[in-house]
Amino acid sequence: FHGMRDATIQDRADSVMEQFGLTAEAAKKAQDLSGGFRRRVQV
């Protein structure tokens, strides 16, 4: 939505998920996460 190219997005998503402790949750739908983990996704 913010105009980033696909080649950049995947690597950055991996890096950000690792920073926020979300790597193990990567394939889960947000509706299945706790409120705290949803907040991590937002931030």
PDB file of all heavy atoms in Angstrom:
ATOM      1  N   PHE A   1       0.828  -1.206   0.000  1.00  0.00           N
ATOM      2  CA  PHE A   1       0.000   0.000   0.000  1.00  0.00           C
ATOM      3  C   PHE A   1       0.861   1.255   0.000  1.00  0.00           C
ATOM      4  O   PHE A   1       0.452   2.310  -0.500  1.00  0.00           O
ATOM      5  CB  PHE A   1      -0.920   0.022   1.225  1.00  0.00           C
ATOM      6  CG  PHE A   1      -2.140  -0.843   1.092  1.00  0.00           C
ATOM      7  CD1 PHE A   1      -2.686  -1.477   2.204  1.00  0.00           C
ATOM      8  CD2 PHE A   1      -2.763  -1.029  -0.129  1.00  0.00           C
ATOM      9  CE1 PHE A   1      -3.813  -2.271   2.092  1.00  0.00           C
ATOM     10  CE2 PHE A   1      -3.891  -1.831  -0.256  1.00  0.00           C
ATOM     11  CZ  PHE A   1      -4.417  -2.453   0.859  1.00  0.00           C
ATOM     12  N   HIS A   2       2.057   1.136   0.584  1.00  0.00           N
ATOM     13  CA  HIS A   2       2.962   2.279   0.638  1.00  0.00           C
ATOM     14  C   HIS A   2       3.964   2.297  -0.525  1.00  0.00           C
ATOM     15  O   HIS A   2       4.933   3.045  -0.489  1.00  0.00           O
ATOM     16  CB  HIS A   2       3.707   2.290   1.977  1.00  0.00           C
ATOM     17  CG  HIS A   2       2.884   2.835   3.115  1.00  0.00           C
ATOM     18  ND1 HIS A   2       2.910   4.156   3.483  1.00  0.00           N
ATOM     19  CD2 HIS A   2       1.990   2.228   3.938  1.00  0.00           C
ATOM     20  CE1 HIS A   2       2.079   4.353   4.499  1.00  0.00           C
ATOM     21  NE2 HIS A   2       1.507   3.201   4.790  1.00  0.00           N
ATOM     22  N   GLY A   3       3.717   1.461  -1.527  1.00  0.00           N
ATOM     23  CA  GLY A   3       4.487   1.547  -2.755  1.00  0.00           C
ATOM     24  C   GLY A   3       5.797   0.800  -2.774  1.00  0.00           C
ATOM     25  O   GLY A   3       6.613   0.994  -3.690  1.00  0.00           O
ATOM     26  N   MET A   4       6.052  -0.088  -1.802  1.00  0.00           N
ATOM     27  CA  MET A   4       7.298  -0.850  -1.808  1.00  0.00           C
ATOM     28  C   MET A   4       7.263  -1.944  -2.877  1.00  0.00           C
ATOM     29  O   MET A   4       6.211  -2.498  -3.191  1.00  0.00           O
ATOM     30  CB  MET A   4       7.547  -1.477  -0.431  1.00  0.00           C
ATOM     31  CG  MET A   4       8.004  -0.494   0.619  1.00  0.00           C
ATOM     32  SD  MET A   4       8.374  -1.334   2.187  1.00  0.00           S
ATOM     33  CE  MET A   4       9.751  -2.390   1.702  1.00  0.00           C
ATOM     34  N   ARG A   5       8.441  -2.283  -3.412  1.00  0.00           N
ATOM     35  CA  ARG A   5       8.553  -3.324  -4.448  1.00  0.00           C
ATOM     36  C   ARG A   5       8.676  -4.699  -3.794  1.00  0.00           C
ATOM     37  O   ARG A   5       9.269  -4.840  -2.724  1.00  0.00           O
ATOM     38  CB  ARG A   5       9.764  -3.055  -5.346  1.00  0.00           C
ATOM     39  CG  ARG A   5       9.663  -1.758  -6.135  1.00  0.00           C
ATOM     40  CD  ARG A   5      10.799  -1.666  -7.148  1.00  0.00           C
ATOM     41  NE  ARG A   5      12.091  -1.740  -6.500  1.00  0.00           N
ATOM     42  CZ  ARG A   5      12.740  -0.670  -6.036  1.00  0.00           C
ATOM     43  NH1 ARG A   5      12.193   0.533  -6.132  1.00  0.00           N
ATOM     44  NH2 ARG A   5      13.922  -0.800  -5.469  1.00  0.00           N
ATOM     45  N   ASP A   6       8.165  -5.725  -4.481  1.00  0.00           N
ATOM     46  CA  ASP A   6       8.155  -7.079  -3.929  1.00  0.00           C
ATOM     47  C   ASP A   6       9.542  -7.576  -3.556  1.00  0.00           C
ATOM     48  O   ASP A   6       9.714  -8.298  -2.570  1.00  0.00           O
ATOM     49  CB  ASP A   6       7.524  -8.049  -4.930  1.00  0.00           C
ATOM     50  CG  ASP A   6       6.007  -7.916  -4.977  1.00  0.00           C
ATOM     51  OD1 ASP A   6       5.457  -7.255  -4.078  1.00  0.00           O
ATOM     52  OD2 ASP A   6       5.386  -8.468  -5.908  1.00  0.00           O
ATOM     53  N   ALA A   7      10.553  -7.212  -4.326  1.00  0.00           N
ATOM     54  CA  ALA A   7      11.916  -7.700  -4.069  1.00  0.00           C
ATOM     55  C   ALA A   7      12.415  -7.253  -2.695  1.00  0.00           C
ATOM     56  O   ALA A   7      13.200  -7.944  -2.050  1.00  0.00           O
ATOM     57  CB  ALA A   7      12.859  -7.197  -5.156  1.00  0.00           C
ATOM     58  N   THR A   8      11.940  -6.113  -2.239  1.00  0.00           N
ATOM     59  CA  THR A   8      12.374  -5.573  -0.956  1.00  0.00           C
ATOM     60  C   THR A   8      11.504  -6.053   0.185  1.00  0.00           C
ATOM     61  O   THR A   8      11.978  -6.254   1.308  1.00  0.00           O
ATOM     62  CB  THR A   8      12.331  -4.025  -0.997  1.00  0.00           C
ATOM     63  OG1 THR A   8      13.027  -3.570  -2.152  1.00  0.00           O
ATOM     64  CG2 THR A   8      12.936  -3.413   0.248  1.00  0.00           C
ATOM     65  N   ILE A   9      10.224  -6.270  -0.115  1.00  0.00           N
ATOM     66  CA  ILE A   9       9.250  -6.523   0.944  1.00  0.00           C
ATOM     67  C   ILE A   9       9.550  -7.806   1.718  1.00  0.00           C
ATOM     68  O   ILE A   9       9.503  -7.829   2.947  1.00  0.00           O
ATOM     69  CB  ILE A   9       7.829  -6.595   0.345  1.00  0.00           C
ATOM     70  CG1 ILE A   9       7.400  -5.217  -0.148  1.00  0.00           C
ATOM     71  CG2 ILE A   9       6.836  -7.104   1.381  1.00  0.00           C
ATOM     72  CD1 ILE A   9       6.066  -5.222  -0.862  1.00  0.00           C
ATOM     73  N   GLN A  10       9.849  -8.897   1.009  1.00  0.00           N
ATOM     74  CA  GLN A  10      10.010 -10.192   1.677  1.00  0.00           C
ATOM     75  C   GLN A  10      11.136 -10.159   2.704  1.00  0.00           C
ATOM     76  O   GLN A  10      10.962 -10.618   3.843  1.00  0.00           O
ATOM     77  CB  GLN A  10      10.279 -11.286   0.630  1.00  0.00           C
ATOM     78  CG  GLN A  10       9.147 -11.522  -0.354  1.00  0.00           C
ATOM     79  CD  GLN A  10       7.926 -12.157   0.302  1.00  0.00           C
ATOM     80  OE1 GLN A  10       7.999 -12.693   1.394  1.00  0.00           O
ATOM     81  NE2 GLN A  10       6.797 -12.095  -0.384  1.00  0.00           N
ATOM     82  N   ASP A  11      12.278  -9.608   2.305  1.00  0.00           N
ATOM     83  CA  ASP A  11      13.421  -9.549   3.231  1.00  0.00           C
ATOM     84  C   ASP A  11      13.104  -8.673   4.435  1.00  0.00           C
ATOM     85  O   ASP A  11      13.453  -9.001   5.575  1.00  0.00           O
ATOM     86  CB  ASP A  11      14.658  -9.020   2.504  1.00  0.00           C
ATOM     87  CG  ASP A  11      15.228 -10.017   1.512  1.00  0.00           C
ATOM     88  OD1 ASP A  11      14.873 -11.211   1.624  1.00  0.00           O
ATOM     89  OD2 ASP A  11      16.012  -9.606   0.632  1.00  0.00           O
ATOM     90  N   ARG A  12      12.436  -7.550   4.183  1.00  0.00           N
ATOM     91  CA  ARG A  12      12.133  -6.662   5.300  1.00  0.00           C
ATOM     92  C   ARG A  12      11.109  -7.307   6.230  1.00  0.00           C
ATOM     93  O   ARG A  12      11.219  -7.177   7.460  1.00  0.00           O
ATOM     94  CB  ARG A  12      11.617  -5.308   4.808  1.00  0.00           C
ATOM     95  CG  ARG A  12      11.370  -4.332   5.955  1.00  0.00           C
ATOM     96  CD  ARG A  12      11.116  -2.915   5.515  1.00  0.00           C
ATOM     97  NE  ARG A  12      12.303  -2.283   4.972  1.00  0.00           N
ATOM     98  CZ  ARG A  12      12.440  -0.965   4.824  1.00  0.00           C
ATOM     99  NH1 ARG A  12      11.463  -0.154   5.181  1.00  0.00           N
ATOM    100  NH2 ARG A  12      13.532  -0.459   4.307  1.00  0.00           N
ATOM    101  N   ALA A  13      10.132  -8.004   5.676  1.00  0.00           N
ATOM    102  CA  ALA A  13       9.145  -8.679   6.521  1.00  0.00           C
ATOM    103  C   ALA A  13       9.812  -9.709   7.432  1.00  0.00           C
ATOM    104  O   ALA A  13       9.490  -9.806   8.622  1.00  0.00           O
ATOM    105  CB  ALA A  13       8.075  -9.342   5.659  1.00  0.00           C
ATOM    106  N   ASP A  14      10.771 -10.474   6.874  1.00  0.00           N
ATOM    107  CA  ASP A  14      11.492 -11.460   7.680  1.00  0.00           C
ATOM    108  C   ASP A  14      12.246 -10.778   8.819  1.00  0.00           C
ATOM    109  O   ASP A  14      12.229 -11.243   9.969  1.00  0.00           O
ATOM    110  CB  ASP A  14      12.483 -12.243   6.809  1.00  0.00           C
ATOM    111  CG  ASP A  14      11.787 -13.224   5.879  1.00  0.00           C
ATOM    112  OD1 ASP A  14      10.630 -13.589   6.159  1.00  0.00           O
ATOM    113  OD2 ASP A  14      12.401 -13.601   4.854  1.00  0.00           O
ATOM    114  N   SER A  15      12.910  -9.665   8.500  1.00  0.00           N
ATOM    115  CA  SER A  15      13.686  -8.945   9.500  1.00  0.00           C
ATOM    116  C   SER A  15      12.787  -8.368  10.595  1.00  0.00           C
ATOM    117  O   SER A  15      13.083  -8.487  11.789  1.00  0.00           O
ATOM    118  CB  SER A  15      14.480  -7.816   8.829  1.00  0.00           C
ATOM    119  OG  SER A  15      15.135  -7.021   9.786  1.00  0.00           O
ATOM    120  N   VAL A  16      11.671  -7.767  10.191  1.00  0.00           N
ATOM    121  CA  VAL A  16      10.758  -7.146  11.155  1.00  0.00           C
ATOM    122  C   VAL A  16      10.105  -8.198  12.044  1.00  0.00           C
ATOM    123  O   VAL A  16       9.969  -8.011  13.258  1.00  0.00           O
ATOM    124  CB  VAL A  16       9.701  -6.292  10.417  1.00  0.00           C
ATOM    125  CG1 VAL A  16       8.581  -5.881  11.365  1.00  0.00           C
ATOM    126  CG2 VAL A  16      10.349  -5.064   9.804  1.00  0.00           C
ATOM    127  N   MET A  17       9.704  -9.320  11.466  1.00  0.00           N
ATOM    128  CA  MET A  17       9.102 -10.370  12.286  1.00  0.00           C
ATOM    129  C   MET A  17      10.086 -10.903  13.317  1.00  0.00           C
ATOM    130  O   MET A  17       9.702 -11.197  14.450  1.00  0.00           O
ATOM    131  CB  MET A  17       8.586 -11.498  11.382  1.00  0.00           C
ATOM    132  CG  MET A  17       7.297 -11.155  10.651  1.00  0.00           C
ATOM    133  SD  MET A  17       6.513 -12.565   9.821  1.00  0.00           S
ATOM    134  CE  MET A  17       7.752 -12.965   8.564  1.00  0.00           C
ATOM    135  N   GLU A  18      11.348 -11.018  12.929  1.00  0.00           N
ATOM    136  CA  GLU A  18      12.345 -11.464  13.899  1.00  0.00           C
ATOM    137  C   GLU A  18      12.508 -10.447  15.023  1.00  0.00           C
ATOM    138  O   GLU A  18      12.591 -10.812  16.203  1.00  0.00           O
ATOM    139  CB  GLU A  18      13.687 -11.689  13.198  1.00  0.00           C
ATOM    140  CG  GLU A  18      14.758 -12.250  14.129  1.00  0.00           C
ATOM    141  CD  GLU A  18      16.044 -12.589  13.390  1.00  0.00           C
ATOM    142  OE1 GLU A  18      16.062 -12.516  12.141  1.00  0.00           O
ATOM    143  OE2 GLU A  18      17.035 -12.909  14.074  1.00  0.00           O
ATOM    144  N   GLN A  19      12.540  -9.150  14.680  1.00  0.00           N
ATOM    145  CA  GLN A  19      12.684  -8.097  15.686  1.00  0.00           C
ATOM    146  C   GLN A  19      11.537  -8.112  16.684  1.00  0.00           C
ATOM    147  O   GLN A  19      11.734  -7.839  17.877  1.00  0.00           O
ATOM    148  CB  GLN A  19      12.745  -6.724  15.011  1.00  0.00           C
ATOM    149  CG  GLN A  19      14.050  -6.445  14.292  1.00  0.00           C
ATOM    150  CD  GLN A  19      13.995  -5.125  13.534  1.00  0.00           C
ATOM    151  OE1 GLN A  19      12.969  -4.780  12.946  1.00  0.00           O
ATOM    152  NE2 GLN A  19      15.094  -4.392  13.546  1.00  0.00           N
ATOM    153  N   PHE A  20      10.332  -8.445  16.215  1.00  0.00           N
ATOM    154  CA  PHE A  20       9.151  -8.388  17.072  1.00  0.00           C
ATOM    155  C   PHE A  20       8.722  -9.749  17.615  1.00  0.00           C
ATOM    156  O   PHE A  20       7.637  -9.871  18.184  1.00  0.00           O
ATOM    157  CB  PHE A  20       7.987  -7.745  16.300  1.00  0.00           C
ATOM    158  CG  PHE A  20       8.054  -6.252  16.262  1.00  0.00           C
ATOM    159  CD1 PHE A  20       8.884  -5.611  15.358  1.00  0.00           C
ATOM    160  CD2 PHE A  20       7.321  -5.485  17.150  1.00  0.00           C
ATOM    161  CE1 PHE A  20       8.965  -4.229  15.329  1.00  0.00           C
ATOM    162  CE2 PHE A  20       7.393  -4.115  17.137  1.00  0.00           C
ATOM    163  CZ  PHE A  20       8.217  -3.470  16.220  1.00  0.00           C
ATOM    164  N   GLY A  21       9.554 -10.757  17.451  1.00  0.00           N
ATOM    165  CA  GLY A  21       9.223 -12.072  17.982  1.00  0.00           C
ATOM    166  C   GLY A  21       7.998 -12.679  17.332  1.00  0.00           C
ATOM    167  O   GLY A  21       7.199 -13.365  17.982  1.00  0.00           O
ATOM    168  N   LEU A  22       7.840 -12.443  16.017  1.00  0.00           N
ATOM    169  CA  LEU A  22       6.655 -12.893  15.299  1.00  0.00           C
ATOM    170  C   LEU A  22       6.949 -14.004  14.286  1.00  0.00           C
ATOM    171  O   LEU A  22       6.032 -14.477  13.608  1.00  0.00           O
ATOM    172  CB  LEU A  22       6.016 -11.720  14.546  1.00  0.00           C
ATOM    173  CG  LEU A  22       5.355 -10.646  15.417  1.00  0.00           C
ATOM    174  CD1 LEU A  22       5.062  -9.396  14.592  1.00  0.00           C
ATOM    175  CD2 LEU A  22       4.071 -11.185  16.043  1.00  0.00           C
ATOM    176  N   THR A  23       8.189 -14.427  14.191  1.00  0.00           N
ATOM    177  CA  THR A  23       8.557 -15.405  13.163  1.00  0.00           C
ATOM    178  C   THR A  23       7.755 -16.699  13.296  1.00  0.00           C
ATOM    179  O   THR A  23       7.253 -17.245  12.302  1.00  0.00           O
ATOM    180  CB  THR A  23      10.063 -15.713  13.235  1.00  0.00           C
ATOM    181  OG1 THR A  23      10.800 -14.488  13.084  1.00  0.00           O
ATOM    182  CG2 THR A  23      10.474 -16.678  12.135  1.00  0.00           C
ATOM    183  N   ALA A  24       7.583 -17.168  14.517  1.00  0.00           N
ATOM    184  CA  ALA A  24       6.838 -18.415  14.730  1.00  0.00           C
ATOM    185  C   ALA A  24       5.349 -18.243  14.442  1.00  0.00           C
ATOM    186  O   ALA A  24       4.629 -19.227  14.221  1.00  0.00           O
ATOM    187  CB  ALA A  24       7.031 -18.898  16.168  1.00  0.00           C
ATOM    188  N   GLU A  25       4.882 -17.009  14.414  1.00  0.00           N
ATOM    189  CA  GLU A  25       3.465 -16.739  14.172  1.00  0.00           C
ATOM    190  C   GLU A  25       3.203 -16.313  12.723  1.00  0.00           C
ATOM    191  O   GLU A  25       2.082 -15.935  12.389  1.00  0.00           O
ATOM    192  CB  GLU A  25       2.971 -15.608  15.101  1.00  0.00           C
ATOM    193  CG  GLU A  25       3.516 -15.617  16.509  1.00  0.00           C
ATOM    194  CD  GLU A  25       3.081 -16.842  17.282  1.00  0.00           C
ATOM    195  OE1 GLU A  25       1.952 -17.297  17.042  1.00  0.00           O
ATOM    196  OE2 GLU A  25       3.878 -17.335  18.108  1.00  0.00           O
ATOM    197  N   ALA A  26       4.211 -16.354  11.873  1.00  0.00           N
ATOM    198  CA  ALA A  26       4.127 -15.754  10.535  1.00  0.00           C
ATOM    199  C   ALA A  26       2.927 -16.236   9.727  1.00  0.00           C
ATOM    200  O   ALA A  26       2.306 -15.452   8.999  1.00  0.00           O
ATOM    201  CB  ALA A  26       5.414 -16.023   9.762  1.00  0.00           C
ATOM    202  N   ALA A  27       2.581 -17.512   9.835  1.00  0.00           N
ATOM    203  CA  ALA A  27       1.499 -18.069   9.009  1.00  0.00           C
ATOM    204  C   ALA A  27       0.132 -17.987   9.684  1.00  0.00           C
ATOM    205  O   ALA A  27      -0.887 -18.310   9.057  1.00  0.00           O
ATOM    206  CB  ALA A  27       1.814 -19.517   8.667  1.00  0.00           C
ATOM    207  N   LYS A  28       0.086 -17.548  10.930  1.00  0.00           N
ATOM    208  CA  LYS A  28      -1.196 -17.480  11.632  1.00  0.00           C
ATOM    209  C   LYS A  28      -1.984 -16.254  11.210  1.00  0.00           C
ATOM    210  O   LYS A  28      -1.422 -15.184  10.983  1.00  0.00           O
ATOM    211  CB  LYS A  28      -0.956 -17.425  13.145  1.00  0.00           C
ATOM    212  CG  LYS A  28      -0.445 -18.705  13.751  1.00  0.00           C
ATOM    213  CD  LYS A  28      -0.336 -18.563  15.266  1.00  0.00           C
ATOM    214  CE  LYS A  28       0.186 -19.847  15.910  1.00  0.00           C
ATOM    215  NZ  LYS A  28       0.310 -19.699  17.380  1.00  0.00           N
ATOM    216  N   LYS A  29      -3.304 -16.418  11.128  1.00  0.00           N
ATOM    217  CA  LYS A  29      -4.156 -15.264  10.881  1.00  0.00           C
ATOM    218  C   LYS A  29      -4.185 -14.371  12.118  1.00  0.00           C
ATOM    219  O   LYS A  29      -4.131 -14.861  13.248  1.00  0.00           O
ATOM    220  CB  LYS A  29      -5.578 -15.703  10.533  1.00  0.00           C
ATOM    221  CG  LYS A  29      -5.714 -16.384   9.179  1.00  0.00           C
ATOM    222  CD  LYS A  29      -7.153 -16.743   8.891  1.00  0.00           C
ATOM    223  CE  LYS A  29      -7.290 -17.402   7.513  1.00  0.00           C
ATOM    224  NZ  LYS A  29      -8.698 -17.770   7.219  1.00  0.00           N
ATOM    225  N   ALA A  30      -4.300 -13.073  11.889  1.00  0.00           N
ATOM    226  CA  ALA A  30      -4.313 -12.129  13.006  1.00  0.00           C
ATOM    227  C   ALA A  30      -5.463 -12.406  13.968  1.00  0.00           C
ATOM    228  O   ALA A  30      -5.333 -12.202  15.174  1.00  0.00           O
ATOM    229  CB  ALA A  30      -4.398 -10.700  12.485  1.00  0.00           C
ATOM    230  N   GLN A  31      -6.592 -12.908  13.449  1.00  0.00           N
ATOM    231  CA  GLN A  31      -7.733 -13.173  14.323  1.00  0.00           C
ATOM    232  C   GLN A  31      -7.450 -14.290  15.331  1.00  0.00           C
ATOM    233  O   GLN A  31      -8.140 -14.411  16.351  1.00  0.00           O
ATOM    234  CB  GLN A  31      -8.964 -13.548  13.488  1.00  0.00           C
ATOM    235  CG  GLN A  31      -8.851 -14.870  12.762  1.00  0.00           C
ATOM    236  CD  GLN A  31     -10.120 -15.234  12.002  1.00  0.00           C
ATOM    237  OE1 GLN A  31     -11.097 -14.485  12.033  1.00  0.00           O
ATOM    238  NE2 GLN A  31     -10.117 -16.364  11.324  1.00  0.00           N
ATOM    239  N   ASP A  32      -6.431 -15.097  15.045  1.00  0.00           N
ATOM    240  CA  ASP A  32      -6.091 -16.201  15.943  1.00  0.00           C
ATOM    241  C   ASP A  32      -5.008 -15.835  16.953  1.00  0.00           C
ATOM    242  O   ASP A  32      -4.591 -16.683  17.747  1.00  0.00           O
ATOM    243  CB  ASP A  32      -5.629 -17.413  15.122  1.00  0.00           C
ATOM    244  CG  ASP A  32      -6.731 -17.943  14.209  1.00  0.00           C
ATOM    245  OD1 ASP A  32      -7.911 -17.863  14.607  1.00  0.00           O
ATOM    246  OD2 ASP A  32      -6.412 -18.411  13.091  1.00  0.00           O
ATOM    247  N   LEU A  33      -4.563 -14.598  16.927  1.00  0.00           N
ATOM    248  CA  LEU A  33      -3.523 -14.144  17.843  1.00  0.00           C
ATOM    249  C   LEU A  33      -4.132 -13.538  19.098  1.00  0.00           C
ATOM    250  O   LEU A  33      -5.262 -13.061  19.090  1.00  0.00           O
ATOM    251  CB  LEU A  33      -2.635 -13.096  17.171  1.00  0.00           C
ATOM    252  CG  LEU A  33      -1.892 -13.504  15.899  1.00  0.00           C
ATOM    253  CD1 LEU A  33      -1.178 -12.292  15.317  1.00  0.00           C
ATOM    254  CD2 LEU A  33      -0.902 -14.637  16.178  1.00  0.00           C
ATOM    255  N   SER A  34      -3.359 -13.524  20.177  1.00  0.00           N
ATOM    256  CA  SER A  34      -3.781 -12.811  21.385  1.00  0.00           C
ATOM    257  C   SER A  34      -3.737 -11.308  21.118  1.00  0.00           C
ATOM    258  O   SER A  34      -3.140 -10.844  20.131  1.00  0.00           O
ATOM    259  CB  SER A  34      -2.843 -13.143  22.548  1.00  0.00           C
ATOM    260  OG  SER A  34      -1.546 -12.619  22.295  1.00  0.00           O
ATOM    261  N   GLY A  35      -4.362 -10.541  21.992  1.00  0.00           N
ATOM    262  CA  GLY A  35      -4.363  -9.090  21.836  1.00  0.00           C
ATOM    263  C   GLY A  35      -2.961  -8.508  21.818  1.00  0.00           C
ATOM    264  O   GLY A  35      -2.663  -7.586  21.038  1.00  0.00           O
ATOM    265  N   GLY A  36      -2.077  -9.063  22.659  1.00  0.00           N
ATOM    266  CA  GLY A  36      -0.701  -8.573  22.698  1.00  0.00           C
ATOM    267  C   GLY A  36       0.045  -8.816  21.398  1.00  0.00           C
ATOM    268  O   GLY A  36       0.776  -7.949  20.915  1.00  0.00           O
ATOM    269  N   PHE A  37      -0.163 -10.012  20.791  1.00  0.00           N
ATOM    270  CA  PHE A  37       0.512 -10.311  19.530  1.00  0.00           C
ATOM    271  C   PHE A  37      -0.075  -9.498  18.383  1.00  0.00           C
ATOM    272  O   PHE A  37       0.648  -9.089  17.468  1.00  0.00           O
ATOM    273  CB  PHE A  37       0.444 -11.811  19.227  1.00  0.00           C
ATOM    274  CG  PHE A  37       1.589 -12.588  19.809  1.00  0.00           C
ATOM    275  CD1 PHE A  37       1.477 -13.205  21.037  1.00  0.00           C
ATOM    276  CD2 PHE A  37       2.794 -12.666  19.126  1.00  0.00           C
ATOM    277  CE1 PHE A  37       2.546 -13.907  21.582  1.00  0.00           C
ATOM    278  CE2 PHE A  37       3.874 -13.360  19.657  1.00  0.00           C
ATOM    279  CZ  PHE A  37       3.743 -13.988  20.889  1.00  0.00           C
ATOM    280  N   ARG A  38      -1.373  -9.221  18.426  1.00  0.00           N
ATOM    281  CA  ARG A  38      -1.943  -8.345  17.396  1.00  0.00           C
ATOM    282  C   ARG A  38      -1.306  -6.956  17.477  1.00  0.00           C
ATOM    283  O   ARG A  38      -1.048  -6.317  16.454  1.00  0.00           O
ATOM    284  CB  ARG A  38      -3.453  -8.212  17.582  1.00  0.00           C
ATOM    285  CG  ARG A  38      -4.241  -9.423  17.149  1.00  0.00           C
ATOM    286  CD  ARG A  38      -5.728  -9.106  17.203  1.00  0.00           C
ATOM    287  NE  ARG A  38      -6.538 -10.314  17.240  1.00  0.00           N
ATOM    288  CZ  ARG A  38      -7.835 -10.327  17.430  1.00  0.00           C
ATOM    289  NH1 ARG A  38      -8.495  -9.185  17.601  1.00  0.00           N
ATOM    290  NH2 ARG A  38      -8.510 -11.468  17.442  1.00  0.00           N
ATOM    291  N   ARG A  39      -1.082  -6.509  18.712  1.00  0.00           N
ATOM    292  CA  ARG A  39      -0.452  -5.200  18.872  1.00  0.00           C
ATOM    293  C   ARG A  39       0.953  -5.205  18.291  1.00  0.00           C
ATOM    294  O   ARG A  39       1.392  -4.226  17.684  1.00  0.00           O
ATOM    295  CB  ARG A  39      -0.402  -4.847  20.363  1.00  0.00           C
ATOM    296  CG  ARG A  39      -0.046  -3.394  20.637  1.00  0.00           C
ATOM    297  CD  ARG A  39      -1.080  -2.490  20.042  1.00  0.00           C
ATOM    298  NE  ARG A  39      -0.856  -1.100  20.396  1.00  0.00           N
ATOM    299  CZ  ARG A  39      -1.505  -0.095  19.843  1.00  0.00           C
ATOM    300  NH1 ARG A  39      -2.408  -0.335  18.918  1.00  0.00           N
ATOM    301  NH2 ARG A  39      -1.272   1.140  20.205  1.00  0.00           N
ATOM    302  N   ARG A  40       1.664  -6.295  18.451  1.00  0.00           N
ATOM    303  CA  ARG A  40       3.003  -6.398  17.859  1.00  0.00           C
ATOM    304  C   ARG A  40       2.930  -6.238  16.345  1.00  0.00           C
ATOM    305  O   ARG A  40       3.762  -5.562  15.736  1.00  0.00           O
ATOM    306  CB  ARG A  40       3.630  -7.755  18.187  1.00  0.00           C
ATOM    307  CG  ARG A  40       3.968  -7.975  19.636  1.00  0.00           C
ATOM    308  CD  ARG A  40       4.785  -9.238  19.811  1.00  0.00           C
ATOM    309  NE  ARG A  40       4.906  -9.620  21.206  1.00  0.00           N
ATOM    310  CZ  ARG A  40       5.794 -10.489  21.662  1.00  0.00           C
ATOM    311  NH1 ARG A  40       6.624 -11.073  20.811  1.00  0.00           N
ATOM    312  NH2 ARG A  40       5.847 -10.792  22.934  1.00  0.00           N
ATOM    313  N   VAL A  41       1.940  -6.884  15.742  1.00  0.00           N
ATOM    314  CA  VAL A  41       1.782  -6.784  14.284  1.00  0.00           C
ATOM    315  C   VAL A  41       1.548  -5.340  13.877  1.00  0.00           C
ATOM    316  O   VAL A  41       2.134  -4.838  12.916  1.00  0.00           O
ATOM    317  CB  VAL A  41       0.620  -7.686  13.798  1.00  0.00           C
ATOM    318  CG1 VAL A  41       0.375  -7.468  12.309  1.00  0.00           C
ATOM    319  CG2 VAL A  41       0.937  -9.151  14.077  1.00  0.00           C
ATOM    320  N   GLN A  42       0.682  -4.651  14.619  1.00  0.00           N
ATOM    321  CA  GLN A  42       0.397  -3.249  14.310  1.00  0.00           C
ATOM    322  C   GLN A  42       1.659  -2.400  14.354  1.00  0.00           C
ATOM    323  O   GLN A  42       1.947  -1.627  13.437  1.00  0.00           O
ATOM    324  CB  GLN A  42      -0.622  -2.696  15.304  1.00  0.00           C
ATOM    325  CG  GLN A  42      -2.024  -3.229  15.136  1.00  0.00           C
ATOM    326  CD  GLN A  42      -2.913  -2.672  16.221  1.00  0.00           C
ATOM    327  OE1 GLN A  42      -2.952  -3.201  17.327  1.00  0.00           O
ATOM    328  NE2 GLN A  42      -3.618  -1.607  15.915  1.00  0.00           N
ATOM    329  N   VAL A  43       2.393  -2.520  15.459  1.00  0.00           N
ATOM    330  CA  VAL A  43       3.585  -1.674  15.629  1.00  0.00           C
ATOM    331  C   VAL A  43       4.674  -2.080  14.644  1.00  0.00           C
ATOM    332  O   VAL A  43       5.433  -1.235  14.150  1.00  0.00           O
ATOM    333  CB  VAL A  43       4.091  -1.738  17.085  1.00  0.00           C
ATOM    334  CG1 VAL A  43       5.347  -0.882  17.257  1.00  0.00           C
ATOM    335  CG2 VAL A  43       3.007  -1.260  18.043  1.00  0.00           C
TER     336      VAL A  43
END
